[in-house]
Amino acid sequence: MAAEGQGTTGDDRAALSFEEALKRLETIVRELESGEVPLERAIALYEEGQALKAQCEARLASAEARIRELQIGADGAPAGDRPFGA
């Protein structure tokens, strides 16, 4: 993975765990909110942040699908089909 402050490449991002990706995203948000980032760096950080957000959302959707799968009873009928987090 790239050093802190240097960003992550697509390959580096794919290797991050959900927690690592979320932590990197939080770092990016703090850096952008500081208002002390040059324009080109801000654009690069924003692009990286968008990619990390999409990655985190995809992993959450995958986890939700796995949980829904676990809620199917032995007869194949849904044993509990409440929305995730309800």
C-alpha atoms as a PDB file:
ATOM      1  CA  MET A   1       0.000   0.000   0.000  1.00  0.00           C
ATOM      2  CA  ALA A   2       1.163   3.545  -0.632  1.00  0.00           C
ATOM      3  CA  ALA A   3       2.536   5.572   2.230  1.00  0.00           C
ATOM      4  CA  GLU A   4       0.164   7.770   4.226  1.00  0.00           C
ATOM      5  CA  GLY A   5      -0.516  10.968   2.335  1.00  0.00           C
ATOM      6  CA  GLN A   6       0.513   9.492  -1.011  1.00  0.00           C
ATOM      7  CA  GLY A   7      -2.802   7.919  -2.009  1.00  0.00           C
ATOM      8  CA  THR A   8      -3.575   4.412  -3.126  1.00  0.00           C
ATOM      9  CA  THR A   9      -3.538   2.928  -6.588  1.00  0.00           C
ATOM     10  CA  GLY A  10      -6.322   0.702  -7.882  1.00  0.00           C
ATOM     11  CA  ASP A  11      -4.311  -2.424  -7.023  1.00  0.00           C
ATOM     12  CA  ASP A  12      -3.512  -1.105  -3.542  1.00  0.00           C
ATOM     13  CA  ARG A  13      -7.181  -0.219  -2.985  1.00  0.00           C
ATOM     14  CA  ALA A  14      -8.384  -3.682  -3.985  1.00  0.00           C
ATOM     15  CA  ALA A  15      -6.045  -5.227  -1.403  1.00  0.00           C
ATOM     16  CA  LEU A  16      -7.418  -3.102   1.455  1.00  0.00           C
ATOM     17  CA  SER A  17      -9.779  -4.628   3.966  1.00  0.00           C
ATOM     18  CA  PHE A  18     -13.095  -2.848   4.498  1.00  0.00           C
ATOM     19  CA  GLU A  19     -11.746  -1.322   7.714  1.00  0.00           C
ATOM     20  CA  GLU A  20      -8.537  -0.136   6.034  1.00  0.00           C
ATOM     21  CA  ALA A  21     -10.480   1.380   3.123  1.00  0.00           C
ATOM     22  CA  LEU A  22     -12.810   3.172   5.537  1.00  0.00           C
ATOM     23  CA  LYS A  23      -9.862   4.511   7.543  1.00  0.00           C
ATOM     24  CA  ARG A  24      -8.200   5.797   4.349  1.00  0.00           C
ATOM     25  CA  LEU A  25     -11.480   7.411   3.303  1.00  0.00           C
ATOM     26  CA  GLU A  26     -11.725   9.164   6.686  1.00  0.00           C
ATOM     27  CA  THR A  27      -8.149  10.431   6.257  1.00  0.00           C
ATOM     28  CA  ILE A  28      -9.020  11.806   2.821  1.00  0.00           C
ATOM     29  CA  VAL A  29     -12.114  13.582   4.154  1.00  0.00           C
ATOM     30  CA  ARG A  30     -10.109  15.188   6.981  1.00  0.00           C
ATOM     31  CA  GLU A  31      -7.428  16.330   4.546  1.00  0.00           C
ATOM     32  CA  LEU A  32      -9.980  17.820   2.135  1.00  0.00           C
ATOM     33  CA  GLU A  33     -11.902  19.499   4.963  1.00  0.00           C
ATOM     34  CA  SER A  34      -8.713  21.160   6.184  1.00  0.00           C
ATOM     35  CA  GLY A  35      -8.903  23.519   3.207  1.00  0.00           C
ATOM     36  CA  GLU A  36      -5.125  23.463   2.889  1.00  0.00           C
ATOM     37  CA  VAL A  37      -4.871  21.114  -0.090  1.00  0.00           C
ATOM     38  CA  PRO A  38      -3.728  22.429  -3.478  1.00  0.00           C
ATOM     39  CA  LEU A  39      -6.334  22.044  -6.231  1.00  0.00           C
ATOM     40  CA  GLU A  40      -4.647  19.211  -8.152  1.00  0.00           C
ATOM     41  CA  ARG A  41      -4.102  17.243  -4.934  1.00  0.00           C
ATOM     42  CA  ALA A  42      -7.716  17.875  -3.895  1.00  0.00           C
ATOM     43  CA  ILE A  43      -8.955  16.500  -7.219  1.00  0.00           C
ATOM     44  CA  ALA A  44      -6.774  13.388  -6.850  1.00  0.00           C
ATOM     45  CA  LEU A  45      -7.966  12.882  -3.272  1.00  0.00           C
ATOM     46  CA  TYR A  46     -11.593  13.309  -4.327  1.00  0.00           C
ATOM     47  CA  GLU A  47     -11.184  10.700  -7.081  1.00  0.00           C
ATOM     48  CA  GLU A  48      -9.508   8.291  -4.659  1.00  0.00           C
ATOM     49  CA  GLY A  49     -12.252   8.925  -2.123  1.00  0.00           C
ATOM     50  CA  GLN A  50     -14.961   8.171  -4.670  1.00  0.00           C
ATOM     51  CA  ALA A  51     -13.267   4.881  -5.577  1.00  0.00           C
ATOM     52  CA  LEU A  52     -12.928   3.931  -1.903  1.00  0.00           C
ATOM     53  CA  LYS A  53     -16.582   4.830  -1.265  1.00  0.00           C
ATOM     54  CA  ALA A  54     -17.677   2.597  -4.146  1.00  0.00           C
ATOM     55  CA  GLN A  55     -15.465  -0.220  -2.856  1.00  0.00           C
ATOM     56  CA  CYS A  56     -16.904   0.064   0.670  1.00  0.00           C
ATOM     57  CA  GLU A  57     -20.470   0.159  -0.650  1.00  0.00           C
ATOM     58  CA  ALA A  58     -19.838  -2.940  -2.774  1.00  0.00           C
ATOM     59  CA  ARG A  59     -18.403  -4.823   0.181  1.00  0.00           C
ATOM     60  CA  LEU A  60     -21.367  -3.850   2.357  1.00  0.00           C
ATOM     61  CA  ALA A  61     -23.801  -4.993  -0.348  1.00  0.00           C
ATOM     62  CA  SER A  62     -21.929  -8.288  -0.591  1.00  0.00           C
ATOM     63  CA  ALA A  63     -22.062  -8.762   3.171  1.00  0.00           C
ATOM     64  CA  GLU A  64     -25.791  -8.008   3.167  1.00  0.00           C
ATOM     65  CA  ALA A  65     -26.361 -10.583   0.419  1.00  0.00           C
ATOM     66  CA  ARG A  66     -24.416 -13.186   2.391  1.00  0.00           C
ATOM     67  CA  ILE A  67     -26.483 -12.470   5.509  1.00  0.00           C
ATOM     68  CA  ARG A  68     -29.733 -12.752   3.548  1.00  0.00           C
ATOM     69  CA  GLU A  69     -28.502 -16.097   2.217  1.00  0.00           C
ATOM     70  CA  LEU A  70     -27.990 -17.291   5.765  1.00  0.00           C
ATOM     71  CA  GLN A  71     -31.590 -16.390   6.559  1.00  0.00           C
ATOM     72  CA  ILE A  72     -32.967 -19.030   4.166  1.00  0.00           C
ATOM     73  CA  GLY A  73     -34.447 -22.011   5.980  1.00  0.00           C
ATOM     74  CA  ALA A  74     -33.653 -25.696   5.377  1.00  0.00           C
ATOM     75  CA  ASP A  75     -36.709 -25.955   3.098  1.00  0.00           C
ATOM     76  CA  GLY A  76     -35.343 -23.162   0.880  1.00  0.00           C
ATOM     77  CA  ALA A  77     -37.992 -20.704   2.006  1.00  0.00           C
ATOM     78  CA  PRO A  78     -36.948 -17.433   3.579  1.00  0.00           C
ATOM     79  CA  ALA A  79     -36.608 -17.895   7.330  1.00  0.00           C
ATOM     80  CA  GLY A  80     -36.422 -14.176   7.914  1.00  0.00           C
ATOM     81  CA  ASP A  81     -36.496 -11.538   5.225  1.00  0.00           C
ATOM     82  CA  ARG A  82     -36.310  -8.346   7.211  1.00  0.00           C
ATOM     83  CA  PRO A  83     -34.333  -5.504   5.648  1.00  0.00           C
ATOM     84  CA  PHE A  84     -30.702  -5.469   6.761  1.00  0.00           C
ATOM     85  CA  GLY A  85     -30.291  -3.491   9.960  1.00  0.00           C
ATOM     86  CA  ALA A  86     -34.005  -3.526  10.831  1.00  0.00           C
END
